[in-house]
C-alpha atoms as a PDB file:
ATOM      1  CA  MET A   1      98.823  -9.992  18.487  1.00  0.00           C
ATOM      2  CA  GLU A   2      99.001 -10.343  22.068  1.00  0.00           C
ATOM      3  CA  ASN A   3      96.233 -12.149  23.990  1.00  0.00           C
ATOM      4  CA  GLN A   4      94.097  -9.952  25.988  1.00  0.00           C
ATOM      5  CA  GLU A   5      92.794 -11.426  29.232  1.00  0.00           C
ATOM      6  CA  GLN A   6      89.013 -10.726  29.598  1.00  0.00           C
ATOM      7  CA  VAL A   7      88.022  -9.447  32.861  1.00  0.00           C
ATOM      8  CA  THR A   8      84.536 -10.135  33.840  1.00  0.00           C
ATOM      9  CA  GLU A   9      83.139  -7.727  36.539  1.00  0.00           C
ATOM     10  CA  GLN A  10      80.694  -9.262  39.104  1.00  0.00           C
ATOM     11  CA  VAL A  11      77.254  -7.503  38.753  1.00  0.00           C
ATOM     12  CA  TYR A  12      74.688  -7.950  41.435  1.00  0.00           C
ATOM     13  CA  PRO A  13      71.035  -7.139  41.069  1.00  0.00           C
ATOM     14  CA  MET A  14      69.937  -3.885  42.299  1.00  0.00           C
ATOM     15  CA  ALA A  15      66.347  -3.422  44.042  1.00  0.00           C
ATOM     16  CA  ARG A  16      65.047  -0.063  42.951  1.00  0.00           C
ATOM     17  CA  ILE A  17      62.450   2.513  44.060  1.00  0.00           C
ATOM     18  CA  GLY A  18      59.107   1.389  43.089  1.00  0.00           C
ATOM     19  CA  ASP A  19      59.986  -2.177  43.221  1.00  0.00           C
ATOM     20  CA  PHE A  20      58.144  -4.644  45.434  1.00  0.00           C
ATOM     21  CA  ALA A  21      60.846  -5.645  48.243  1.00  0.00           C
ATOM     22  CA  PRO A  22      62.458  -9.089  46.959  1.00  0.00           C
ATOM     23  CA  ASP A  23      61.182 -11.754  49.331  1.00  0.00           C
ATOM     24  CA  PHE A  24      63.497 -13.784  51.335  1.00  0.00           C
ATOM     25  CA  GLU A  25      63.577 -15.955  54.685  1.00  0.00           C
ATOM     26  CA  ALA A  26      66.375 -15.310  57.181  1.00  0.00           C
ATOM     27  CA  VAL A  27      67.644 -16.092  60.502  1.00  0.00           C
ATOM     28  CA  THR A  28      67.661 -13.228  62.755  1.00  0.00           C
ATOM     29  CA  THR A  29      68.567 -12.230  66.534  1.00  0.00           C
ATOM     30  CA  LYS A  30      64.769 -12.202  67.044  1.00  0.00           C
ATOM     31  CA  GLY A  31      64.028 -15.633  65.272  1.00  0.00           C
ATOM     32  CA  LYS A  32      63.250 -16.475  61.644  1.00  0.00           C
ATOM     33  CA  ILE A  33      61.492 -14.138  59.498  1.00  0.00           C
ATOM     34  CA  LYS A  34      60.004 -13.993  55.890  1.00  0.00           C
ATOM     35  CA  MET A  35      60.044 -10.656  54.259  1.00  0.00           C
ATOM     36  CA  SER A  36      56.841 -10.794  52.640  1.00  0.00           C
ATOM     37  CA  GLU A  37      55.154 -11.651  56.104  1.00  0.00           C
ATOM     38  CA  PHE A  38      57.243  -9.358  58.299  1.00  0.00           C
ATOM     39  CA  ALA A  39      55.759  -6.244  59.836  1.00  0.00           C
ATOM     40  CA  LYS A  40      52.133  -6.557  58.820  1.00  0.00           C
ATOM     41  CA  ASP A  41      50.412  -3.452  58.055  1.00  0.00           C
ATOM     42  CA  LYS A  42      53.460  -1.581  59.078  1.00  0.00           C
ATOM     43  CA  TRP A  43      56.190   0.250  57.434  1.00  0.00           C
ATOM     44  CA  THR A  44      59.817  -1.251  57.555  1.00  0.00           C
ATOM     45  CA  VAL A  45      63.075   0.296  57.597  1.00  0.00           C
ATOM     46  CA  MET A  46      65.721  -2.097  56.668  1.00  0.00           C
ATOM     47  CA  PHE A  47      69.491  -1.106  56.928  1.00  0.00           C
ATOM     48  CA  SER A  48      72.677  -2.980  56.267  1.00  0.00           C
ATOM     49  CA  HIS A  49      76.114  -2.466  58.045  1.00  0.00           C
ATOM     50  CA  PRO A  50      79.525  -3.714  57.134  1.00  0.00           C
ATOM     51  CA  ALA A  51      80.300  -5.731  60.304  1.00  0.00           C
ATOM     52  CA  ASP A  52      79.801  -6.440  63.902  1.00  0.00           C
ATOM     53  CA  PHE A  53      82.181  -5.139  66.558  1.00  0.00           C
ATOM     54  CA  THR A  54      83.268  -2.197  64.378  1.00  0.00           C
ATOM     55  CA  PRO A  55      83.126   1.335  65.655  1.00  0.00           C
ATOM     56  CA  VAL A  56      81.003   3.260  63.149  1.00  0.00           C
ATOM     57  CA  CYS A  57      78.606   0.394  63.074  1.00  0.00           C
ATOM     58  CA  THR A  58      78.273   0.290  66.782  1.00  0.00           C
ATOM     59  CA  THR A  59      77.441   4.079  66.594  1.00  0.00           C
ATOM     60  CA  GLU A  60      74.839   3.721  64.080  1.00  0.00           C
ATOM     61  CA  MET A  61      73.025   0.684  65.447  1.00  0.00           C
ATOM     62  CA  SER A  62      73.074   2.332  68.851  1.00  0.00           C
ATOM     63  CA  GLY A  63      71.381   5.343  67.140  1.00  0.00           C
ATOM     64  CA  PHE A  64      68.656   2.991  65.739  1.00  0.00           C
ATOM     65  CA  ALA A  65      68.181   1.370  69.289  1.00  0.00           C
ATOM     66  CA  LYS A  66      67.854   4.640  71.158  1.00  0.00           C
ATOM     67  CA  ARG A  67      65.324   6.350  68.595  1.00  0.00           C
ATOM     68  CA  LYS A  68      63.326   3.170  68.265  1.00  0.00           C
ATOM     69  CA  PRO A  69      60.313   4.807  70.160  1.00  0.00           C
ATOM     70  CA  GLU A  70      60.485   7.397  67.331  1.00  0.00           C
ATOM     71  CA  PHE A  71      60.265   4.742  64.593  1.00  0.00           C
ATOM     72  CA  ASP A  72      57.336   3.041  66.719  1.00  0.00           C
ATOM     73  CA  ALA A  73      55.232   6.166  66.650  1.00  0.00           C
ATOM     74  CA  LEU A  74      55.566   6.259  62.945  1.00  0.00           C
ATOM     75  CA  ASN A  75      54.474   2.756  62.731  1.00  0.00           C
ATOM     76  CA  THR A  76      57.651   1.301  61.474  1.00  0.00           C
ATOM     77  CA  GLU A  77      59.560  -1.858  62.309  1.00  0.00           C
ATOM     78  CA  LEU A  78      63.360  -1.702  62.128  1.00  0.00           C
ATOM     79  CA  LEU A  79      65.330  -4.518  60.399  1.00  0.00           C
ATOM     80  CA  GLY A  80      69.199  -4.713  60.546  1.00  0.00           C
ATOM     81  CA  LEU A  81      71.524  -6.811  58.352  1.00  0.00           C
ATOM     82  CA  SER A  82      75.257  -7.601  58.074  1.00  0.00           C
ATOM     83  CA  ILE A  83      77.268 -10.506  56.402  1.00  0.00           C
ATOM     84  CA  ASP A  84      78.007 -12.045  59.983  1.00  0.00           C
ATOM     85  CA  SER A  85      76.678 -15.225  61.805  1.00  0.00           C
ATOM     86  CA  ILE A  86      74.068 -15.113  64.430  1.00  0.00           C
ATOM     87  CA  HIS A  87      76.545 -15.853  67.086  1.00  0.00           C
ATOM     88  CA  ALA A  88      78.607 -12.879  66.249  1.00  0.00           C
ATOM     89  CA  HIS A  89      75.389 -10.760  66.226  1.00  0.00           C
ATOM     90  CA  LEU A  90      74.289 -12.042  69.546  1.00  0.00           C
ATOM     91  CA  GLY A  91      77.680 -11.394  70.947  1.00  0.00           C
ATOM     92  CA  TRP A  92      77.842  -7.988  69.709  1.00  0.00           C
ATOM     93  CA  VAL A  93      74.430  -7.021  70.889  1.00  0.00           C
ATOM     94  CA  GLN A  94      75.320  -8.329  74.416  1.00  0.00           C
ATOM     95  CA  ASN A  95      78.794  -6.617  74.254  1.00  0.00           C
ATOM     96  CA  VAL A  96      77.196  -3.288  73.455  1.00  0.00           C
ATOM     97  CA  ARG A  97      74.452  -3.793  76.244  1.00  0.00           C
ATOM     98  CA  GLU A  98      77.312  -4.527  78.829  1.00  0.00           C
ATOM     99  CA  THR A  99      79.425  -1.588  77.877  1.00  0.00           C
ATOM    100  CA  THR A 100      77.075   1.187  77.092  1.00  0.00           C
ATOM    101  CA  GLY A 101      73.526   0.203  78.283  1.00  0.00           C
ATOM    102  CA  VAL A 102      72.235   0.271  74.793  1.00  0.00           C
ATOM    103  CA  TYR A 103      70.277  -2.698  73.741  1.00  0.00           C
ATOM    104  CA  PHE A 104      69.497  -3.343  70.189  1.00  0.00           C
ATOM    105  CA  ASP A 105      65.742  -4.408  70.379  1.00  0.00           C
ATOM    106  CA  PHE A 106      65.281  -5.253  66.783  1.00  0.00           C
ATOM    107  CA  PRO A 107      65.934  -8.204  64.721  1.00  0.00           C
ATOM    108  CA  ILE A 108      69.360  -8.236  63.006  1.00  0.00           C
ATOM    109  CA  ILE A 109      69.588 -10.518  59.941  1.00  0.00           C
ATOM    110  CA  ALA A 110      72.421 -13.032  59.916  1.00  0.00           C
ATOM    111  CA  ASP A 111      73.352 -13.017  55.970  1.00  0.00           C
ATOM    112  CA  ILE A 112      76.170 -15.091  56.436  1.00  0.00           C
ATOM    113  CA  ASP A 113      75.999 -16.511  52.625  1.00  0.00           C
ATOM    114  CA  MET A 114      75.577 -12.891  51.394  1.00  0.00           C
ATOM    115  CA  LYS A 115      72.260 -13.897  49.535  1.00  0.00           C
ATOM    116  CA  ILE A 116      70.177 -11.164  50.825  1.00  0.00           C
ATOM    117  CA  SER A 117      72.938  -8.356  50.355  1.00  0.00           C
ATOM    118  CA  LYS A 118      73.373  -9.420  46.773  1.00  0.00           C
ATOM    119  CA  LEU A 119      69.507  -9.700  46.410  1.00  0.00           C
ATOM    120  CA  TYR A 120      69.137  -5.945  47.376  1.00  0.00           C
ATOM    121  CA  GLY A 121      72.239  -4.518  45.818  1.00  0.00           C
ATOM    122  CA  MET A 122      73.804  -4.051  49.353  1.00  0.00           C
ATOM    123  CA  LEU A 123      77.219  -5.727  48.188  1.00  0.00           C
ATOM    124  CA  GLN A 124      78.854  -3.446  45.901  1.00  0.00           C
ATOM    125  CA  PRO A 125      82.309  -4.876  44.643  1.00  0.00           C
ATOM    126  CA  ASN A 126      83.972  -1.691  44.001  1.00  0.00           C
ATOM    127  CA  GLU A 127      83.531  -0.666  47.607  1.00  0.00           C
ATOM    128  CA  SER A 128      83.953  -4.217  49.213  1.00  0.00           C
ATOM    129  CA  GLU A 129      83.135  -7.745  48.036  1.00  0.00           C
ATOM    130  CA  THR A 130      82.704  -9.189  51.472  1.00  0.00           C
ATOM    131  CA  ALA A 131      80.971  -6.374  53.471  1.00  0.00           C
ATOM    132  CA  ALA A 132      77.592  -4.621  52.823  1.00  0.00           C
ATOM    133  CA  VAL A 133      77.584  -0.910  52.219  1.00  0.00           C
ATOM    134  CA  ARG A 134      75.296   1.077  54.520  1.00  0.00           C
ATOM    135  CA  ALA A 135      72.191   0.976  52.822  1.00  0.00           C
ATOM    136  CA  VAL A 136      68.756   1.811  53.895  1.00  0.00           C
ATOM    137  CA  PHE A 137      65.509   0.640  52.287  1.00  0.00           C
ATOM    138  CA  PHE A 138      62.307   2.487  53.185  1.00  0.00           C
ATOM    139  CA  ILE A 139      59.444  -0.240  52.556  1.00  0.00           C
ATOM    140  CA  ASP A 140      55.804   0.596  52.690  1.00  0.00           C
ATOM    141  CA  PRO A 141      53.004  -1.612  54.230  1.00  0.00           C
ATOM    142  CA  GLU A 142      52.362  -3.078  50.654  1.00  0.00           C
ATOM    143  CA  LYS A 143      55.932  -4.236  50.663  1.00  0.00           C
ATOM    144  CA  LYS A 144      56.878  -1.512  48.133  1.00  0.00           C
ATOM    145  CA  ILE A 145      60.362   0.177  48.205  1.00  0.00           C
ATOM    146  CA  ARG A 146      59.733   3.834  48.541  1.00  0.00           C
ATOM    147  CA  LEU A 147      63.279   5.372  49.239  1.00  0.00           C
ATOM    148  CA  ILE A 148      66.894   3.984  49.306  1.00  0.00           C
ATOM    149  CA  MET A 149      70.070   5.568  50.640  1.00  0.00           C
ATOM    150  CA  TYR A 150      73.654   4.476  50.154  1.00  0.00           C
ATOM    151  CA  TYR A 151      76.553   5.418  52.500  1.00  0.00           C
ATOM    152  CA  PRO A 152      80.286   4.176  51.988  1.00  0.00           C
ATOM    153  CA  LEU A 153      81.848   1.883  54.689  1.00  0.00           C
ATOM    154  CA  ASN A 154      83.587   4.943  56.425  1.00  0.00           C
ATOM    155  CA  VAL A 155      80.616   7.482  56.683  1.00  0.00           C
ATOM    156  CA  GLY A 156      77.941   7.014  59.047  1.00  0.00           C
ATOM    157  CA  ARG A 157      74.446   7.681  58.466  1.00  0.00           C
ATOM    158  CA  ASN A 158      72.313  10.566  59.663  1.00  0.00           C
ATOM    159  CA  MET A 159      69.331   9.592  62.036  1.00  0.00           C
ATOM    160  CA  ASP A 160      67.618  12.708  61.840  1.00  0.00           C
ATOM    161  CA  GLU A 161      67.464  12.488  58.017  1.00  0.00           C
ATOM    162  CA  ILE A 162      66.198   8.930  58.079  1.00  0.00           C
ATOM    163  CA  LEU A 163      63.384   9.847  60.404  1.00  0.00           C
ATOM    164  CA  ARG A 164      62.578  12.884  58.372  1.00  0.00           C
ATOM    165  CA  CYS A 165      62.378  11.172  55.056  1.00  0.00           C
ATOM    166  CA  LEU A 166      60.150   8.334  56.762  1.00  0.00           C
ATOM    167  CA  ASP A 167      57.769  11.102  58.162  1.00  0.00           C
ATOM    168  CA  ALA A 168      57.699  12.864  54.728  1.00  0.00           C
ATOM    169  CA  LEU A 169      56.710   9.594  52.976  1.00  0.00           C
ATOM    170  CA  GLN A 170      53.935   8.810  55.249  1.00  0.00           C
ATOM    171  CA  MET A 171      52.595  12.514  55.202  1.00  0.00           C
ATOM    172  CA  SER A 172      52.869  12.637  51.512  1.00  0.00           C
ATOM    173  CA  ASP A 173      50.736   9.404  51.259  1.00  0.00           C
ATOM    174  CA  LYS A 174      48.095  10.558  53.614  1.00  0.00           C
ATOM    175  CA  HIS A 175      47.669  14.117  52.257  1.00  0.00           C
ATOM    176  CA  LYS A 176      48.557  13.451  48.519  1.00  0.00           C
ATOM    177  CA  VAL A 177      51.206  16.247  48.747  1.00  0.00           C
ATOM    178  CA  ALA A 178      54.928  16.752  47.948  1.00  0.00           C
ATOM    179  CA  MET A 179      57.755  17.943  50.416  1.00  0.00           C
ATOM    180  CA  PRO A 180      59.710  20.923  49.519  1.00  0.00           C
ATOM    181  CA  LEU A 181      63.441  21.228  50.363  1.00  0.00           C
ATOM    182  CA  ASP A 182      64.370  20.568  53.971  1.00  0.00           C
ATOM    183  CA  TRP A 183      60.714  19.792  54.798  1.00  0.00           C
ATOM    184  CA  LYS A 184      60.110  18.796  58.355  1.00  0.00           C
ATOM    185  CA  ARG A 185      56.715  18.300  60.438  1.00  0.00           C
ATOM    186  CA  GLY A 186      55.078  21.509  60.753  1.00  0.00           C
ATOM    187  CA  ASP A 187      56.435  23.235  57.455  1.00  0.00           C
ATOM    188  CA  LYS A 188      54.098  23.948  54.602  1.00  0.00           C
ATOM    189  CA  VAL A 189      53.788  21.180  52.030  1.00  0.00           C
ATOM    190  CA  ILE A 190      53.507  21.486  48.103  1.00  0.00           C
ATOM    191  CA  VAL A 191      49.964  20.714  46.650  1.00  0.00           C
ATOM    192  CA  PRO A 192      49.887  19.235  43.192  1.00  0.00           C
ATOM    193  CA  ALA A 193      50.086  21.334  40.076  1.00  0.00           C
ATOM    194  CA  PRO A 194      46.750  22.194  37.849  1.00  0.00           C
ATOM    195  CA  ASN A 195      46.349  19.667  35.183  1.00  0.00           C
ATOM    196  CA  SER A 196      43.716  21.873  33.343  1.00  0.00           C
ATOM    197  CA  LEU A 197      42.476  25.311  32.913  1.00  0.00           C
ATOM    198  CA  ASP A 198      39.666  24.900  35.322  1.00  0.00           C
ATOM    199  CA  THR A 199      41.981  23.665  38.250  1.00  0.00           C
ATOM    200  CA  LEU A 200      44.440  26.371  37.177  1.00  0.00           C
ATOM    201  CA  ASN A 201      41.725  29.156  37.807  1.00  0.00           C
ATOM    202  CA  GLU A 202      40.585  27.407  40.950  1.00  0.00           C
ATOM    203  CA  ARG A 203      44.295  27.480  42.187  1.00  0.00           C
ATOM    204  CA  LEU A 204      44.735  31.118  41.435  1.00  0.00           C
ATOM    205  CA  ALA A 205      41.328  32.228  43.351  1.00  0.00           C
ATOM    206  CA  ASP A 206      42.374  30.081  46.333  1.00  0.00           C
ATOM    207  CA  GLU A 207      43.545  32.568  48.963  1.00  0.00           C
ATOM    208  CA  SER A 208      44.269  29.749  51.510  1.00  0.00           C
ATOM    209  CA  LEU A 209      47.532  28.939  49.538  1.00  0.00           C
ATOM    210  CA  GLU A 210      50.904  30.387  49.570  1.00  0.00           C
ATOM    211  CA  GLN A 211      51.583  30.604  45.968  1.00  0.00           C
ATOM    212  CA  THR A 212      54.978  31.573  44.543  1.00  0.00           C
ATOM    213  CA  THR A 213      53.637  31.054  40.915  1.00  0.00           C
ATOM    214  CA  TRP A 214      50.800  29.195  39.519  1.00  0.00           C
ATOM    215  CA  TYR A 215      52.604  25.739  39.415  1.00  0.00           C
ATOM    216  CA  LEU A 216      54.381  26.228  42.939  1.00  0.00           C
ATOM    217  CA  ALA A 217      51.878  26.718  45.987  1.00  0.00           C
ATOM    218  CA  LYS A 218      52.127  25.571  49.557  1.00  0.00           C
ATOM    219  CA  LYS A 219      49.627  24.811  52.156  1.00  0.00           C
ATOM    220  CA  SER A 220      49.683  23.933  55.854  1.00  0.00           C
ATOM    221  CA  ILE A 221      48.376  20.522  57.030  1.00  0.00           C
END
């Protein structure tokens, strides 16, 4: 019988929706941070990119920088990350500012030892063992992960969708409603379904709602 070589696949932990954001300390382009103390009373959008001085990443980081005022308006701090040194980050930030006039005015984590990438599941071996995938983590003020997006190395993210999701999460929390397909600010939202005959009858009698059926009704907010 021939000996069969055993192959052990490297498995990294995966932060999940509903988890509290794993804590860490890191060096960034804006100084040292501790995740549990970062962005007090604010939301955080933390996003990873594969590498500095690369074309797709440059377009994405420029997109975050250009639309930072929209994140500010939603009480949200941006936090970037890649498996590069702080010196590479600084050089890239300055290069982009000199060549395009766009300034990455938010902290970018230097995750040179890959500890944070592994902690958050940003490093996915079947895609790459040395570059973080394009992950986006939406973290609320209580430091709970509320939404996660993953993109491969060769496809850039959609900034409109990132902002739409952030707005939807915040509006859902504020008004205790859910958001239908393609929801954007100004659209009607879905009210919670009845959970008793009394609330069902109240629902059916509520003429202010747009009722498709007893369990699907919308309203304006």
